[in-house]
Each structure stands twice: as C-alpha cells, then as structure tokens.
PDB file of N, CA and C in Angstrom:
ATOM      1  N   MET A   1     -34.863  15.384 -24.793  1.00  0.00           N
ATOM      2  CA  MET A   1     -35.010  14.570 -23.600  1.00  0.00           C
ATOM      3  C   MET A   1     -34.645  15.398 -22.367  1.00  0.00           C
ATOM      4  N   ASP A   2     -35.449  15.284 -21.334  1.00  0.00           N
ATOM      5  CA  ASP A   2     -35.196  16.005 -20.091  1.00  0.00           C
ATOM      6  C   ASP A   2     -34.317  15.175 -19.169  1.00  0.00           C
ATOM      7  N   LEU A   3     -33.706  15.854 -18.237  1.00  0.00           N
ATOM      8  CA  LEU A   3     -32.892  15.188 -17.226  1.00  0.00           C
ATOM      9  C   LEU A   3     -33.806  14.434 -16.271  1.00  0.00           C
ATOM     10  N   LYS A   4     -33.455  13.183 -16.006  1.00  0.00           N
ATOM     11  CA  LYS A   4     -34.154  12.378 -15.004  1.00  0.00           C
ATOM     12  C   LYS A   4     -33.221  12.244 -13.812  1.00  0.00           C
ATOM     13  N   THR A   5     -33.733  12.507 -12.621  1.00  0.00           N
ATOM     14  CA  THR A   5     -32.926  12.458 -11.405  1.00  0.00           C
ATOM     15  C   THR A   5     -33.513  11.430 -10.450  1.00  0.00           C
ATOM     16  N   GLU A   6     -32.680  10.497 -10.005  1.00  0.00           N
ATOM     17  CA  GLU A   6     -33.105   9.505  -9.020  1.00  0.00           C
ATOM     18  C   GLU A   6     -32.247   9.653  -7.770  1.00  0.00           C
ATOM     19  N   SER A   7     -32.878   9.529  -6.620  1.00  0.00           N
ATOM     20  CA  SER A   7     -32.180   9.543  -5.347  1.00  0.00           C
ATOM     21  C   SER A   7     -32.248   8.143  -4.773  1.00  0.00           C
ATOM     22  N   LEU A   8     -31.083   7.503  -4.624  1.00  0.00           N
ATOM     23  CA  LEU A   8     -31.018   6.110  -4.203  1.00  0.00           C
ATOM     24  C   LEU A   8     -30.132   5.967  -2.969  1.00  0.00           C
ATOM     25  N   PRO A   9     -30.447   5.002  -2.097  1.00  0.00           N
ATOM     26  CA  PRO A   9     -29.552   4.757  -0.966  1.00  0.00           C
ATOM     27  C   PRO A   9     -28.264   4.097  -1.443  1.00  0.00           C
ATOM     28  N   GLY A  10     -27.178   4.401  -0.762  1.00  0.00           N
ATOM     29  CA  GLY A  10     -25.907   3.755  -1.070  1.00  0.00           C
ATOM     30  C   GLY A  10     -25.874   2.358  -0.480  1.00  0.00           C
ATOM     31  N   SER A  11     -24.725   1.720  -0.525  1.00  0.00           N
ATOM     32  CA  SER A  11     -24.600   0.350  -0.032  1.00  0.00           C
ATOM     33  C   SER A  11     -24.544   0.289   1.493  1.00  0.00           C
ATOM     34  N   ARG A  12     -24.452   1.453   2.135  1.00  0.00           N
ATOM     35  CA  ARG A  12     -24.479   1.502   3.600  1.00  0.00           C
ATOM     36  C   ARG A  12     -25.095   2.829   4.032  1.00  0.00           C
ATOM     37  N   GLU A  13     -25.457   2.892   5.296  1.00  0.00           N
ATOM     38  CA  GLU A  13     -26.090   4.088   5.837  1.00  0.00           C
ATOM     39  C   GLU A  13     -25.156   5.292   5.719  1.00  0.00           C
ATOM     40  N   GLY A  14     -25.734   6.448   5.428  1.00  0.00           N
ATOM     41  CA  GLY A  14     -24.948   7.669   5.338  1.00  0.00           C
ATOM     42  C   GLY A  14     -24.477   7.995   3.939  1.00  0.00           C
ATOM     43  N   VAL A  15     -24.803   7.121   2.970  1.00  0.00           N
ATOM     44  CA  VAL A  15     -24.417   7.361   1.577  1.00  0.00           C
ATOM     45  C   VAL A  15     -25.684   7.527   0.738  1.00  0.00           C
ATOM     46  N   ARG A  16     -25.740   8.608  -0.026  1.00  0.00           N
ATOM     47  CA  ARG A  16     -26.862   8.878  -0.925  1.00  0.00           C
ATOM     48  C   ARG A  16     -26.304   8.959  -2.330  1.00  0.00           C
ATOM     49  N   ILE A  17     -26.953   8.290  -3.275  1.00  0.00           N
ATOM     50  CA  ILE A  17     -26.537   8.326  -4.676  1.00  0.00           C
ATOM     51  C   ILE A  17     -27.601   9.066  -5.478  1.00  0.00           C
ATOM     52  N   PHE A  18     -27.169  10.081  -6.217  1.00  0.00           N
ATOM     53  CA  PHE A  18     -28.042  10.773  -7.152  1.00  0.00           C
ATOM     54  C   PHE A  18     -27.660  10.308  -8.547  1.00  0.00           C
ATOM     55  N   ARG A  19     -28.556   9.564  -9.182  1.00  0.00           N
ATOM     56  CA  ARG A  19     -28.295   9.066 -10.534  1.00  0.00           C
ATOM     57  C   ARG A  19     -28.996   9.993 -11.534  1.00  0.00           C
ATOM     58  N   LEU A  20     -28.191  10.625 -12.383  1.00  0.00           N
ATOM     59  CA  LEU A  20     -28.719  11.541 -13.391  1.00  0.00           C
ATOM     60  C   LEU A  20     -28.718  10.844 -14.746  1.00  0.00           C
ATOM     61  N   THR A  21     -29.804  11.031 -15.487  1.00  0.00           N
ATOM     62  CA  THR A  21     -29.931  10.430 -16.809  1.00  0.00           C
ATOM     63  C   THR A  21     -30.411  11.494 -17.782  1.00  0.00           C
ATOM     64  N   GLY A  22     -29.646  11.687 -18.862  1.00  0.00           N
ATOM     65  CA  GLY A  22     -30.007  12.673 -19.881  1.00  0.00           C
ATOM     66  C   GLY A  22     -29.108  13.885 -19.799  1.00  0.00           C
ATOM     67  N   PRO A  23     -29.327  14.842 -20.703  1.00  0.00           N
ATOM     68  CA  PRO A  23     -28.510  16.051 -20.708  1.00  0.00           C
ATOM     69  C   PRO A  23     -28.752  16.882 -19.447  1.00  0.00           C
ATOM     70  N   PHE A  24     -27.671  17.263 -18.785  1.00  0.00           N
ATOM     71  CA  PHE A  24     -27.750  18.063 -17.559  1.00  0.00           C
ATOM     72  C   PHE A  24     -27.623  19.524 -17.967  1.00  0.00           C
ATOM     73  N   THR A  25     -28.773  20.183 -18.100  1.00  0.00           N
ATOM     74  CA  THR A  25     -28.813  21.576 -18.544  1.00  0.00           C
ATOM     75  C   THR A  25     -29.698  22.381 -17.591  1.00  0.00           C
ATOM     76  N   LEU A  26     -29.823  23.664 -17.860  1.00  0.00           N
ATOM     77  CA  LEU A  26     -30.520  24.587 -16.970  1.00  0.00           C
ATOM     78  C   LEU A  26     -31.847  24.051 -16.414  1.00  0.00           C
ATOM     79  N   PRO A  27     -32.728  23.459 -17.216  1.00  0.00           N
ATOM     80  CA  PRO A  27     -33.995  22.990 -16.640  1.00  0.00           C
ATOM     81  C   PRO A  27     -33.832  21.952 -15.521  1.00  0.00           C
ATOM     82  N   GLY A  28     -32.756  21.192 -15.517  1.00  0.00           N
ATOM     83  CA  GLY A  28     -32.543  20.184 -14.490  1.00  0.00           C
ATOM     84  C   GLY A  28     -31.767  20.666 -13.279  1.00  0.00           C
ATOM     85  N   VAL A  29     -31.210  21.871 -13.384  1.00  0.00           N
ATOM     86  CA  VAL A  29     -30.343  22.395 -12.325  1.00  0.00           C
ATOM     87  C   VAL A  29     -31.110  22.588 -11.019  1.00  0.00           C
ATOM     88  N   PHE A  30     -32.331  23.107 -11.100  1.00  0.00           N
ATOM     89  CA  PHE A  30     -33.065  23.454  -9.882  1.00  0.00           C
ATOM     90  C   PHE A  30     -33.429  22.207  -9.074  1.00  0.00           C
ATOM     91  N   GLU A  31     -33.848  21.143  -9.750  1.00  0.00           N
ATOM     92  CA  GLU A  31     -34.151  19.900  -9.048  1.00  0.00           C
ATOM     93  C   GLU A  31     -32.885  19.326  -8.413  1.00  0.00           C
ATOM     94  N   PHE A  32     -31.775  19.363  -9.151  1.00  0.00           N
ATOM     95  CA  PHE A  32     -30.507  18.856  -8.618  1.00  0.00           C
ATOM     96  C   PHE A  32     -30.099  19.637  -7.370  1.00  0.00           C
ATOM     97  N   GLN A  33     -30.154  20.964  -7.439  1.00  0.00           N
ATOM     98  CA  GLN A  33     -29.754  21.783  -6.285  1.00  0.00           C
ATOM     99  C   GLN A  33     -30.664  21.537  -5.088  1.00  0.00           C
ATOM    100  N   SER A  34     -31.944  21.297  -5.348  1.00  0.00           N
ATOM    101  CA  SER A  34     -32.875  20.991  -4.278  1.00  0.00           C
ATOM    102  C   SER A  34     -32.497  19.682  -3.585  1.00  0.00           C
ATOM    103  N   LEU A  35     -32.127  18.672  -4.375  1.00  0.00           N
ATOM    104  CA  LEU A  35     -31.686  17.398  -3.804  1.00  0.00           C
ATOM    105  C   LEU A  35     -30.448  17.599  -2.931  1.00  0.00           C
ATOM    106  N   VAL A  36     -29.500  18.374  -3.432  1.00  0.00           N
ATOM    107  CA  VAL A  36     -28.259  18.625  -2.695  1.00  0.00           C
ATOM    108  C   VAL A  36     -28.564  19.348  -1.382  1.00  0.00           C
ATOM    109  N   ARG A  37     -29.421  20.365  -1.459  1.00  0.00           N
ATOM    110  CA  ARG A  37     -29.746  21.156  -0.267  1.00  0.00           C
ATOM    111  C   ARG A  37     -30.464  20.339   0.801  1.00  0.00           C
ATOM    112  N   THR A  38     -31.316  19.416   0.395  1.00  0.00           N
ATOM    113  CA  THR A  38     -32.137  18.692   1.364  1.00  0.00           C
ATOM    114  C   THR A  38     -31.498  17.395   1.857  1.00  0.00           C
ATOM    115  N   SER A  39     -30.389  16.983   1.271  1.00  0.00           N
ATOM    116  CA  SER A  39     -29.731  15.752   1.713  1.00  0.00           C
ATOM    117  C   SER A  39     -28.932  16.005   2.981  1.00  0.00           C
ATOM    118  N   ASP A  40     -29.173  15.166   3.994  1.00  0.00           N
ATOM    119  CA  ASP A  40     -28.365  15.279   5.206  1.00  0.00           C
ATOM    120  C   ASP A  40     -27.393  14.108   5.336  1.00  0.00           C
ATOM    121  N   ASP A  41     -27.227  13.365   4.245  1.00  0.00           N
ATOM    122  CA  ASP A  41     -26.271  12.262   4.257  1.00  0.00           C
ATOM    123  C   ASP A  41     -24.848  12.809   4.251  1.00  0.00           C
ATOM    124  N   PRO A  42     -23.932  12.183   5.019  1.00  0.00           N
ATOM    125  CA  PRO A  42     -22.542  12.641   5.049  1.00  0.00           C
ATOM    126  C   PRO A  42     -21.810  12.442   3.724  1.00  0.00           C
ATOM    127  N   VAL A  43     -22.298  11.523   2.885  1.00  0.00           N
ATOM    128  CA  VAL A  43     -21.665  11.265   1.588  1.00  0.00           C
ATOM    129  C   VAL A  43     -22.718  11.315   0.493  1.00  0.00           C
ATOM    130  N   ILE A  44     -22.454  12.122  -0.528  1.00  0.00           N
ATOM    131  CA  ILE A  44     -23.290  12.158  -1.741  1.00  0.00           C
ATOM    132  C   ILE A  44     -22.426  11.709  -2.908  1.00  0.00           C
ATOM    133  N   ILE A  45     -22.952  10.774  -3.675  1.00  0.00           N
ATOM    134  CA  ILE A  45     -22.291  10.336  -4.903  1.00  0.00           C
ATOM    135  C   ILE A  45     -23.212  10.676  -6.061  1.00  0.00           C
ATOM    136  N   VAL A  46     -22.696  11.421  -7.028  1.00  0.00           N
ATOM    137  CA  VAL A  46     -23.472  11.805  -8.201  1.00  0.00           C
ATOM    138  C   VAL A  46     -23.021  10.931  -9.364  1.00  0.00           C
ATOM    139  N   ASP A  47     -23.928  10.073  -9.825  1.00  0.00           N
ATOM    140  CA  ASP A  47     -23.654   9.142 -10.919  1.00  0.00           C
ATOM    141  C   ASP A  47     -23.977   9.833 -12.242  1.00  0.00           C
ATOM    142  N   LEU A  48     -22.926  10.133 -13.007  1.00  0.00           N
ATOM    143  CA  LEU A  48     -23.067  10.844 -14.285  1.00  0.00           C
ATOM    144  C   LEU A  48     -22.894   9.917 -15.489  1.00  0.00           C
ATOM    145  N   ASN A  49     -22.928   8.605 -15.275  1.00  0.00           N
ATOM    146  CA  ASN A  49     -22.725   7.649 -16.370  1.00  0.00           C
ATOM    147  C   ASN A  49     -23.662   7.875 -17.549  1.00  0.00           C
ATOM    148  N   ALA A  50     -24.895   8.285 -17.275  1.00  0.00           N
ATOM    149  CA  ALA A  50     -25.895   8.432 -18.333  1.00  0.00           C
ATOM    150  C   ALA A  50     -26.126   9.893 -18.714  1.00  0.00           C
ATOM    151  N   VAL A  51     -25.147  10.756 -18.419  1.00  0.00           N
ATOM    152  CA  VAL A  51     -25.236  12.177 -18.786  1.00  0.00           C
ATOM    153  C   VAL A  51     -24.303  12.415 -19.967  1.00  0.00           C
ATOM    154  N   PRO A  52     -24.868  12.626 -21.172  1.00  0.00           N
ATOM    155  CA  PRO A  52     -24.013  12.802 -22.346  1.00  0.00           C
ATOM    156  C   PRO A  52     -23.299  14.157 -22.376  1.00  0.00           C
ATOM    157  N   PHE A  53     -23.936  15.191 -21.816  1.00  0.00           N
ATOM    158  CA  PHE A  53     -23.308  16.517 -21.772  1.00  0.00           C
ATOM    159  C   PHE A  53     -23.987  17.369 -20.716  1.00  0.00           C
ATOM    160  N   MET A  54     -23.309  18.452 -20.338  1.00  0.00           N
ATOM    161  CA  MET A  54     -23.892  19.434 -19.425  1.00  0.00           C
ATOM    162  C   MET A  54     -23.547  20.827 -19.924  1.00  0.00           C
ATOM    163  N   ASP A  55     -24.375  21.790 -19.529  1.00  0.00           N
ATOM    164  CA  ASP A  55     -24.099  23.173 -19.911  1.00  0.00           C
ATOM    165  C   ASP A  55     -23.464  23.917 -18.733  1.00  0.00           C
ATOM    166  N   SER A  56     -23.221  25.206 -18.927  1.00  0.00           N
ATOM    167  CA  SER A  56     -22.533  25.976 -17.893  1.00  0.00           C
ATOM    168  C   SER A  56     -23.375  26.111 -16.631  1.00  0.00           C
ATOM    169  N   ALA A  57     -24.707  26.127 -16.762  1.00  0.00           N
ATOM    170  CA  ALA A  57     -25.565  26.184 -15.575  1.00  0.00           C
ATOM    171  C   ALA A  57     -25.397  24.914 -14.745  1.00  0.00           C
ATOM    172  N   ALA A  58     -25.300  23.778 -15.404  1.00  0.00           N
ATOM    173  CA  ALA A  58     -25.098  22.511 -14.701  1.00  0.00           C
ATOM    174  C   ALA A  58     -23.724  22.479 -14.048  1.00  0.00           C
ATOM    175  N   LEU A  59     -22.721  23.006 -14.725  1.00  0.00           N
ATOM    176  CA  LEU A  59     -21.388  23.080 -14.119  1.00  0.00           C
ATOM    177  C   LEU A  59     -21.447  23.941 -12.860  1.00  0.00           C
ATOM    178  N   GLY A  60     -22.213  25.010 -12.918  1.00  0.00           N
ATOM    179  CA  GLY A  60     -22.413  25.843 -11.728  1.00  0.00           C
ATOM    180  C   GLY A  60     -23.056  25.056 -10.601  1.00  0.00           C
ATOM    181  N   ALA A  61     -24.003  24.186 -10.929  1.00  0.00           N
ATOM    182  CA  ALA A  61     -24.663  23.353  -9.918  1.00  0.00           C
ATOM    183  C   ALA A  61     -23.678  22.359  -9.310  1.00  0.00           C
ATOM    184  N   ILE A  62     -22.769  21.840 -10.134  1.00  0.00           N
ATOM    185  CA  ILE A  62     -21.731  20.930  -9.625  1.00  0.00           C
ATOM    186  C   ILE A  62     -20.801  21.697  -8.673  1.00  0.00           C
ATOM    187  N   MET A  63     -20.469  22.924  -9.032  1.00  0.00           N
ATOM    188  CA  MET A  63     -19.620  23.740  -8.161  1.00  0.00           C
ATOM    189  C   MET A  63     -20.355  24.092  -6.855  1.00  0.00           C
ATOM    190  N   TYR A  64     -21.680  24.280  -6.949  1.00  0.00           N
ATOM    191  CA  TYR A  64     -22.484  24.508  -5.739  1.00  0.00           C
ATOM    192  C   TYR A  64     -22.388  23.284  -4.828  1.00  0.00           C
ATOM    193  N   LEU A  65     -22.504  22.086  -5.416  1.00  0.00           N
ATOM    194  CA  LEU A  65     -22.353  20.844  -4.646  1.00  0.00           C
ATOM    195  C   LEU A  65     -20.995  20.821  -3.960  1.00  0.00           C
ATOM    196  N   HIS A  66     -19.943  21.094  -4.712  1.00  0.00           N
ATOM    197  CA  HIS A  66     -18.573  21.089  -4.177  1.00  0.00           C
ATOM    198  C   HIS A  66     -18.451  22.053  -2.989  1.00  0.00           C
ATOM    199  N   ALA A  67     -18.917  23.274  -3.171  1.00  0.00           N
ATOM    200  CA  ALA A  67     -18.777  24.302  -2.131  1.00  0.00           C
ATOM    201  C   ALA A  67     -19.644  24.003  -0.912  1.00  0.00           C
ATOM    202  N   SER A  68     -20.870  23.556  -1.136  1.00  0.00           N
ATOM    203  CA  SER A  68     -21.767  23.309  -0.009  1.00  0.00           C
ATOM    204  C   SER A  68     -21.290  22.113   0.815  1.00  0.00           C
ATOM    205  N   ARG A  69     -20.763  21.081   0.159  1.00  0.00           N
ATOM    206  CA  ARG A  69     -20.242  19.930   0.895  1.00  0.00           C
ATOM    207  C   ARG A  69     -18.985  20.327   1.679  1.00  0.00           C
ATOM    208  N   ALA A  70     -18.145  21.168   1.094  1.00  0.00           N
ATOM    209  CA  ALA A  70     -16.941  21.631   1.791  1.00  0.00           C
ATOM    210  C   ALA A  70     -17.315  22.441   3.033  1.00  0.00           C
ATOM    211  N   ARG A  71     -18.311  23.310   2.907  1.00  0.00           N
ATOM    212  CA  ARG A  71     -18.757  24.119   4.051  1.00  0.00           C
ATOM    213  C   ARG A  71     -19.251  23.233   5.195  1.00  0.00           C
ATOM    214  N   ARG A  72     -19.953  22.174   4.848  1.00  0.00           N
ATOM    215  CA  ARG A  72     -20.505  21.258   5.861  1.00  0.00           C
ATOM    216  C   ARG A  72     -19.490  20.210   6.315  1.00  0.00           C
ATOM    217  N   LYS A  73     -18.340  20.201   5.671  1.00  0.00           N
ATOM    218  CA  LYS A  73     -17.315  19.175   5.927  1.00  0.00           C
ATOM    219  C   LYS A  73     -17.856  17.772   5.652  1.00  0.00           C
ATOM    220  N   ASP A  74     -18.687  17.684   4.627  1.00  0.00           N
ATOM    221  CA  ASP A  74     -19.219  16.404   4.164  1.00  0.00           C
ATOM    222  C   ASP A  74     -18.552  16.053   2.841  1.00  0.00           C
ATOM    223  N   ASP A  75     -18.632  14.787   2.477  1.00  0.00           N
ATOM    224  CA  ASP A  75     -17.969  14.306   1.265  1.00  0.00           C
ATOM    225  C   ASP A  75     -18.939  14.167   0.100  1.00  0.00           C
ATOM    226  N   TYR A  76     -18.358  14.205  -1.087  1.00  0.00           N
ATOM    227  CA  TYR A  76     -19.122  13.948  -2.306  1.00  0.00           C
ATOM    228  C   TYR A  76     -18.156  13.362  -3.321  1.00  0.00           C
ATOM    229  N   ALA A  77     -18.729  12.779  -4.343  1.00  0.00           N
ATOM    230  CA  ALA A  77     -17.924  12.319  -5.476  1.00  0.00           C
ATOM    231  C   ALA A  77     -18.798  12.332  -6.720  1.00  0.00           C
ATOM    232  N   LEU A  78     -18.151  12.598  -7.842  1.00  0.00           N
ATOM    233  CA  LEU A  78     -18.780  12.465  -9.160  1.00  0.00           C
ATOM    234  C   LEU A  78     -18.245  11.181  -9.767  1.00  0.00           C
ATOM    235  N   VAL A  79     -19.114  10.349 -10.303  1.00  0.00           N
ATOM    236  CA  VAL A  79     -18.659   9.110 -10.929  1.00  0.00           C
ATOM    237  C   VAL A  79     -19.188   9.021 -12.356  1.00  0.00           C
ATOM    238  N   GLY A  80     -18.465   8.259 -13.179  1.00  0.00           N
ATOM    239  CA  GLY A  80     -18.895   8.065 -14.558  1.00  0.00           C
ATOM    240  C   GLY A  80     -18.752   9.301 -15.426  1.00  0.00           C
ATOM    241  N   VAL A  81     -17.735  10.103 -15.167  1.00  0.00           N
ATOM    242  CA  VAL A  81     -17.520  11.347 -15.924  1.00  0.00           C
ATOM    243  C   VAL A  81     -16.950  10.982 -17.292  1.00  0.00           C
ATOM    244  N   ASN A  82     -17.738  11.216 -18.334  1.00  0.00           N
ATOM    245  CA  ASN A  82     -17.263  10.876 -19.681  1.00  0.00           C
ATOM    246  C   ASN A  82     -16.264  11.914 -20.195  1.00  0.00           C
ATOM    247  N   GLU A  83     -15.694  11.645 -21.352  1.00  0.00           N
ATOM    248  CA  GLU A  83     -14.655  12.508 -21.909  1.00  0.00           C
ATOM    249  C   GLU A  83     -15.154  13.931 -22.147  1.00  0.00           C
ATOM    250  N   ARG A  84     -16.388  14.050 -22.600  1.00  0.00           N
ATOM    251  CA  ARG A  84     -16.954  15.373 -22.882  1.00  0.00           C
ATOM    252  C   ARG A  84     -17.094  16.201 -21.595  1.00  0.00           C
ATOM    253  N   LEU A  85     -17.576  15.551 -20.528  1.00  0.00           N
ATOM    254  CA  LEU A  85     -17.702  16.260 -19.247  1.00  0.00           C
ATOM    255  C   LEU A  85     -16.330  16.597 -18.678  1.00  0.00           C
ATOM    256  N   GLN A  86     -15.393  15.662 -18.794  1.00  0.00           N
ATOM    257  CA  GLN A  86     -14.030  15.901 -18.309  1.00  0.00           C
ATOM    258  C   GLN A  86     -13.408  17.103 -19.016  1.00  0.00           C
ATOM    259  N   THR A  87     -13.641  17.197 -20.312  1.00  0.00           N
ATOM    260  CA  THR A  87     -13.133  18.343 -21.075  1.00  0.00           C
ATOM    261  C   THR A  87     -13.749  19.643 -20.567  1.00  0.00           C
ATOM    262  N   MET A  88     -15.050  19.615 -20.280  1.00  0.00           N
ATOM    263  CA  MET A  88     -15.704  20.815 -19.757  1.00  0.00           C
ATOM    264  C   MET A  88     -15.103  21.202 -18.405  1.00  0.00           C
ATOM    265  N   PHE A  89     -14.825  20.215 -17.551  1.00  0.00           N
ATOM    266  CA  PHE A  89     -14.220  20.505 -16.256  1.00  0.00           C
ATOM    267  C   PHE A  89     -12.831  21.120 -16.449  1.00  0.00           C
ATOM    268  N   GLN A  90     -12.079  20.614 -17.439  1.00  0.00           N
ATOM    269  CA  GLN A  90     -10.736  21.141 -17.707  1.00  0.00           C
ATOM    270  C   GLN A  90     -10.811  22.566 -18.233  1.00  0.00           C
ATOM    271  N   VAL A  91     -11.694  22.813 -19.196  1.00  0.00           N
ATOM    272  CA  VAL A  91     -11.850  24.155 -19.774  1.00  0.00           C
ATOM    273  C   VAL A  91     -12.307  25.133 -18.696  1.00  0.00           C
ATOM    274  N   GLY A  92     -13.179  24.660 -17.802  1.00  0.00           N
ATOM    275  CA  GLY A  92     -13.656  25.499 -16.703  1.00  0.00           C
ATOM    276  C   GLY A  92     -12.640  25.678 -15.596  1.00  0.00           C
ATOM    277  N   GLY A  93     -11.533  24.931 -15.676  1.00  0.00           N
ATOM    278  CA  GLY A  93     -10.474  25.056 -14.682  1.00  0.00           C
ATOM    279  C   GLY A  93     -10.808  24.436 -13.338  1.00  0.00           C
ATOM    280  N   VAL A  94     -11.773  23.496 -13.321  1.00  0.00           N
ATOM    281  CA  VAL A  94     -12.194  22.908 -12.046  1.00  0.00           C
ATOM    282  C   VAL A  94     -11.869  21.412 -11.946  1.00  0.00           C
ATOM    283  N   ASP A  95     -11.239  20.860 -12.975  1.00  0.00           N
ATOM    284  CA  ASP A  95     -10.968  19.417 -12.992  1.00  0.00           C
ATOM    285  C   ASP A  95     -10.072  18.984 -11.836  1.00  0.00           C
ATOM    286  N   GLU A  96      -9.212  19.877 -11.356  1.00  0.00           N
ATOM    287  CA  GLU A  96      -8.290  19.516 -10.274  1.00  0.00           C
ATOM    288  C   GLU A  96      -8.937  19.577  -8.893  1.00  0.00           C
ATOM    289  N   ILE A  97     -10.063  20.275  -8.758  1.00  0.00           N
ATOM    290  CA  ILE A  97     -10.675  20.385  -7.428  1.00  0.00           C
ATOM    291  C   ILE A  97     -11.881  19.468  -7.251  1.00  0.00           C
ATOM    292  N   LEU A  98     -12.497  19.039  -8.342  1.00  0.00           N
ATOM    293  CA  LEU A  98     -13.664  18.164  -8.226  1.00  0.00           C
ATOM    294  C   LEU A  98     -13.230  16.753  -7.837  1.00  0.00           C
ATOM    295  N   VAL A  99     -14.013  16.110  -7.000  1.00  0.00           N
ATOM    296  CA  VAL A  99     -13.726  14.750  -6.540  1.00  0.00           C
ATOM    297  C   VAL A  99     -14.402  13.774  -7.490  1.00  0.00           C
ATOM    298  N   THR A 100     -13.605  12.987  -8.201  1.00  0.00           N
ATOM    299  CA  THR A 100     -14.173  12.054  -9.173  1.00  0.00           C
ATOM    300  C   THR A 100     -13.598  10.653  -8.968  1.00  0.00           C
ATOM    301  N   TYR A 101     -14.426   9.663  -9.287  1.00  0.00           N
ATOM    302  CA  TYR A 101     -14.033   8.259  -9.284  1.00  0.00           C
ATOM    303  C   TYR A 101     -14.665   7.603 -10.500  1.00  0.00           C
ATOM    304  N   PRO A 102     -14.055   6.534 -11.007  1.00  0.00           N
ATOM    305  CA  PRO A 102     -14.622   5.868 -12.184  1.00  0.00           C
ATOM    306  C   PRO A 102     -16.003   5.249 -11.935  1.00  0.00           C
ATOM    307  N   THR A 103     -16.198   4.658 -10.738  1.00  0.00           N
ATOM    308  CA  THR A 103     -17.451   3.935 -10.475  1.00  0.00           C
ATOM    309  C   THR A 103     -18.009   4.291  -9.097  1.00  0.00           C
ATOM    310  N   VAL A 104     -19.289   3.977  -8.915  1.00  0.00           N
ATOM    311  CA  VAL A 104     -19.941   4.171  -7.620  1.00  0.00           C
ATOM    312  C   VAL A 104     -19.232   3.340  -6.552  1.00  0.00           C
ATOM    313  N   ALA A 105     -18.911   2.088  -6.882  1.00  0.00           N
ATOM    314  CA  ALA A 105     -18.252   1.203  -5.912  1.00  0.00           C
ATOM    315  C   ALA A 105     -16.913   1.779  -5.446  1.00  0.00           C
ATOM    316  N   GLU A 106     -16.138   2.320  -6.366  1.00  0.00           N
ATOM    317  CA  GLU A 106     -14.842   2.910  -5.995  1.00  0.00           C
ATOM    318  C   GLU A 106     -15.038   4.152  -5.121  1.00  0.00           C
ATOM    319  N   ALA A 107     -16.042   4.960  -5.447  1.00  0.00           N
ATOM    320  CA  ALA A 107     -16.318   6.148  -4.642  1.00  0.00           C
ATOM    321  C   ALA A 107     -16.757   5.750  -3.238  1.00  0.00           C
ATOM    322  N   GLU A 108     -17.639   4.756  -3.148  1.00  0.00           N
ATOM    323  CA  GLU A 108     -18.101   4.310  -1.831  1.00  0.00           C
ATOM    324  C   GLU A 108     -16.939   3.764  -1.004  1.00  0.00           C
ATOM    325  N   ALA A 109     -16.063   3.008  -1.621  1.00  0.00           N
ATOM    326  CA  ALA A 109     -14.905   2.448  -0.907  1.00  0.00           C
ATOM    327  C   ALA A 109     -13.978   3.563  -0.422  1.00  0.00           C
ATOM    328  N   ALA A 110     -13.747   4.567  -1.259  1.00  0.00           N
ATOM    329  CA  ALA A 110     -12.837   5.660  -0.915  1.00  0.00           C
ATOM    330  C   ALA A 110     -13.426   6.554   0.179  1.00  0.00           C
ATOM    331  N   LEU A 111     -14.728   6.695   0.200  1.00  0.00           N
ATOM    332  CA  LEU A 111     -15.376   7.602   1.154  1.00  0.00           C
ATOM    333  C   LEU A 111     -15.978   6.841   2.327  1.00  0.00           C
ATOM    334  N   ARG A 112     -15.581   5.617   2.516  1.00  0.00           N
ATOM    335  CA  ARG A 112     -16.142   4.738   3.549  1.00  0.00           C
ATOM    336  C   ARG A 112     -16.055   5.324   4.951  1.00  0.00           C
ATOM    337  N   GLY A 113     -14.916   5.899   5.298  1.00  0.00           N
ATOM    338  CA  GLY A 113     -14.714   6.407   6.655  1.00  0.00           C
ATOM    339  C   GLY A 113     -15.710   7.454   7.061  1.00  0.00           C
ATOM    340  N   LYS A 114     -16.034   8.354   6.149  1.00  0.00           N
ATOM    341  CA  LYS A 114     -16.941   9.458   6.475  1.00  0.00           C
ATOM    342  C   LYS A 114     -18.338   8.936   6.809  1.00  0.00           C
ATOM    343  N   ALA A 115     -18.868   8.034   5.997  1.00  0.00           N
ATOM    344  CA  ALA A 115     -20.227   7.540   6.227  1.00  0.00           C
ATOM    345  C   ALA A 115     -20.280   6.676   7.483  1.00  0.00           C
ATOM    346  N   ALA A 116     -19.242   5.913   7.715  1.00  0.00           N
ATOM    347  CA  ALA A 116     -19.232   5.002   8.866  1.00  0.00           C
ATOM    348  C   ALA A 116     -19.148   5.746  10.185  1.00  0.00           C
ATOM    349  N   SER A 117     -18.537   6.927  10.163  1.00  0.00           N
ATOM    350  CA  SER A 117     -18.334   7.660  11.409  1.00  0.00           C
ATOM    351  C   SER A 117     -19.493   8.563  11.749  1.00  0.00           C
ATOM    352  N   SER A 118     -20.490   8.633  10.905  1.00  0.00           N
ATOM    353  CA  SER A 118     -21.601   9.546  11.176  1.00  0.00           C
ATOM    354  C   SER A 118     -22.614   8.961  12.124  1.00  0.00           C
TER     355      SER A 118
END
C-alpha cells in the first residue's frame, strides 16, 4: 500500500492539516516535502493516526518539517503518533525536540495563538 496524503483546512484560518494514510516510506517523502515547502499557513498539523510505520527517509522528512518551520518561526505539530513511531523517534534521539499532541483538536488548541495572529 502506498502513502496517501491529504491536505485539509484546519478549524480556523491559518491552520493546515496534512493527513497521512499508510506506511510513510521513501516513495511518499517527496510529496510530503512538497506539501511542506508550498504551505504558507502559520500552523501545520501532521495527522499520523493512520501511519503504521515510517522508515528513516520519512524520519528525515519529519526533521525537515521541524527545521523549516523553525527557520520560518512557524508552528507545527505531529498528532496520533503510535508506539512504533514514538520508539523510532526515541531511537533517533529526536523525541524530545519534535512537537507532538495526542489529537488534532489538542494541537489546534495549543497552537491557537500563532494562527490567530497571522
């Protein structure tokens, strides 16, 4: 099964949700990075609820998201990180720097100020 990527509006202006479905591996990395590069929303939320696993290329794409949002001083969050993905983040030593929330609603509530001020 290939990765399916959807770009959806958040519950308010300035929030973009990328919903990923399927294994996040090298073939899906380029589309994901393209979405990240072309989004001008102040807040990006990446919904990983339907991602059973990711490979090291996908982890690199997540780190690209982290770094590019930091450079722009924009916010992002990863939501729905399952145990397998959390373990990969821990093994990769990035679990402490990645912004994660259990749900899209919690991420939107936490990042409310950034989207509202844009």
